[in-house]
């Protein structure tokens, strides 16, 4: 199973910095993270626009969610987190782990959407 982390809604350079911090926190917890980048003319560095955490067992997904919730708490809850799969969006605070378990049992991927508030 792969968990993709993407932004939803307004997107700016500050979001890219926040997402790069999240990548580092996931890596600190020994989770393999692939980064999607975007090159913008006039900007010195490529912008981080998405993450993919690959080859996860269901137990590792709970670690991903815990790290993201910790990161979100450090950002003074400027972000809302939802989990999207075939059944539509589910707030991570609600039944997210059930959605993850169902996706894992069918081999489907899930997307964690981070929305700027």
Protein backbone atom coordinates (compact mmCIF):
# COMPACT_ATOMS: atom_id res chain seq x y z
CA UNK A 1 0.00 0.00 0.00
CA UNK A 2 1.15 3.52 -0.76
CA UNK A 3 -0.04 6.56 1.16
CA UNK A 4 0.11 9.79 -0.81
CA UNK A 5 0.17 13.14 0.96
CA UNK A 6 -1.07 16.09 -1.09
CA UNK A 7 -2.33 19.61 -0.57
CA UNK A 8 -5.88 20.66 -1.31
CA UNK A 9 -7.02 24.26 -1.75
CA UNK A 10 -4.79 27.32 -1.81
CA UNK A 11 -1.12 26.47 -2.23
CA UNK A 12 1.87 28.73 -1.66
CA UNK A 13 5.57 28.66 -0.80
CA UNK A 14 4.84 28.43 2.94
CA UNK A 15 2.95 25.18 2.28
CA UNK A 16 6.00 23.80 0.48
CA UNK A 17 8.19 24.57 3.48
CA UNK A 18 5.67 22.91 5.81
CA UNK A 19 5.49 19.85 3.55
CA UNK A 20 9.31 19.60 3.47
CA UNK A 21 9.26 19.65 7.30
CA UNK A 22 6.69 16.86 7.26
CA UNK A 23 8.91 14.84 4.90
CA UNK A 24 11.78 15.19 7.39
CA UNK A 25 9.58 14.10 10.33
CA UNK A 26 8.40 11.02 8.41
CA UNK A 27 12.03 10.17 7.53
CA UNK A 28 13.03 10.57 11.20
CA UNK A 29 10.50 7.83 11.95
CA UNK A 30 12.18 5.53 9.41
CA UNK A 31 9.43 5.86 6.81
CA UNK A 32 10.59 5.88 3.19
CA UNK A 33 9.28 9.04 1.54
CA UNK A 34 9.31 9.95 -2.14
CA UNK A 35 8.99 13.65 -2.91
CA UNK A 36 7.12 15.31 -5.79
CA UNK A 37 8.65 18.65 -6.72
CA UNK A 38 7.67 21.55 -8.91
CA UNK A 39 10.11 23.95 -10.56
CA UNK A 40 8.91 27.54 -10.57
CA UNK A 41 10.71 30.17 -12.66
CA UNK A 42 12.33 32.81 -10.43
CA UNK A 43 12.41 30.56 -7.36
CA UNK A 44 15.87 29.27 -6.40
CA UNK A 45 14.83 25.84 -5.12
CA UNK A 46 12.26 23.36 -6.37
CA UNK A 47 9.03 23.41 -4.36
CA UNK A 48 7.87 20.28 -2.56
CA UNK A 49 4.27 19.68 -3.68
CA UNK A 50 3.57 16.10 -2.60
CA UNK A 51 4.86 13.07 -0.74
CA UNK A 52 4.43 9.34 -1.19
CA UNK A 53 5.11 6.88 1.61
CA UNK A 54 5.45 3.52 -0.11
CA UNK A 55 5.21 -0.14 0.87
CA UNK A 56 3.35 0.31 4.12
CA UNK A 57 1.74 -2.28 6.30
CA UNK A 58 -1.44 -1.19 8.04
CA UNK A 59 0.47 -0.80 11.31
CA UNK A 60 2.87 1.63 9.62
CA UNK A 61 -0.01 3.75 8.34
CA UNK A 62 -0.98 4.52 11.93
CA UNK A 63 2.60 5.80 12.40
CA UNK A 64 2.21 8.05 9.33
CA UNK A 65 -1.04 9.46 10.70
CA UNK A 66 0.51 9.99 14.14
CA UNK A 67 3.50 11.84 12.66
CA UNK A 68 1.23 14.00 10.49
CA UNK A 69 -1.04 14.82 13.44
CA UNK A 70 2.02 15.76 15.52
CA UNK A 71 3.27 17.97 12.67
CA UNK A 72 -0.15 19.53 12.27
CA UNK A 73 -0.26 20.34 15.99
CA UNK A 74 3.05 22.20 15.67
CA UNK A 75 1.49 24.33 12.94
CA UNK A 76 -1.22 25.60 15.33
CA UNK A 77 -3.83 23.55 13.46
CA UNK A 78 -3.52 25.65 10.30
CA UNK A 79 -4.33 22.50 8.35
CA UNK A 80 -7.22 20.06 8.14
CA UNK A 81 -6.38 16.46 7.39
CA UNK A 82 -8.66 14.09 5.47
CA UNK A 83 -8.14 10.61 4.11
CA UNK A 84 -9.48 9.94 0.63
CA UNK A 85 -10.17 6.60 -0.99
CA UNK A 86 -12.99 5.09 -3.04
CA UNK A 87 -15.54 5.86 -0.32
CA UNK A 88 -14.84 9.60 -0.38
CA UNK A 89 -13.12 11.83 2.17
CA UNK A 90 -13.01 10.90 5.85
CA UNK A 91 -11.66 13.19 8.58
CA UNK A 92 -8.56 11.61 10.08
CA UNK A 93 -9.98 12.20 13.54
CA UNK A 94 -12.95 9.98 12.65
CA UNK A 95 -12.86 6.50 11.11
CA UNK A 96 -9.63 6.88 9.15
CA UNK A 97 -8.05 3.63 10.32
CA UNK A 98 -11.08 1.65 9.12
CA UNK A 99 -10.66 3.21 5.68
CA UNK A 100 -6.96 2.34 5.73
CA UNK A 101 -7.62 -1.26 6.75
CA UNK A 102 -10.20 -1.65 4.00
CA UNK A 103 -7.83 -0.15 1.41
CA UNK A 104 -5.00 -2.42 2.59
CA UNK A 105 -7.17 -5.52 2.36
CA UNK A 106 -8.00 -4.71 -1.28
CA UNK A 107 -4.49 -3.50 -2.17
CA UNK A 108 -5.66 0.03 -2.97
CA UNK A 109 -3.75 3.20 -2.23
CA UNK A 110 -5.03 6.03 -0.06
CA UNK A 111 -4.40 9.77 -0.17
CA UNK A 112 -4.02 11.99 2.85
CA UNK A 113 -5.17 15.46 1.86
CA UNK A 114 -3.77 18.40 3.81
CA UNK A 115 -5.99 21.45 3.42
CA UNK A 116 -4.87 24.90 4.49
CA UNK A 117 -7.42 26.53 6.80
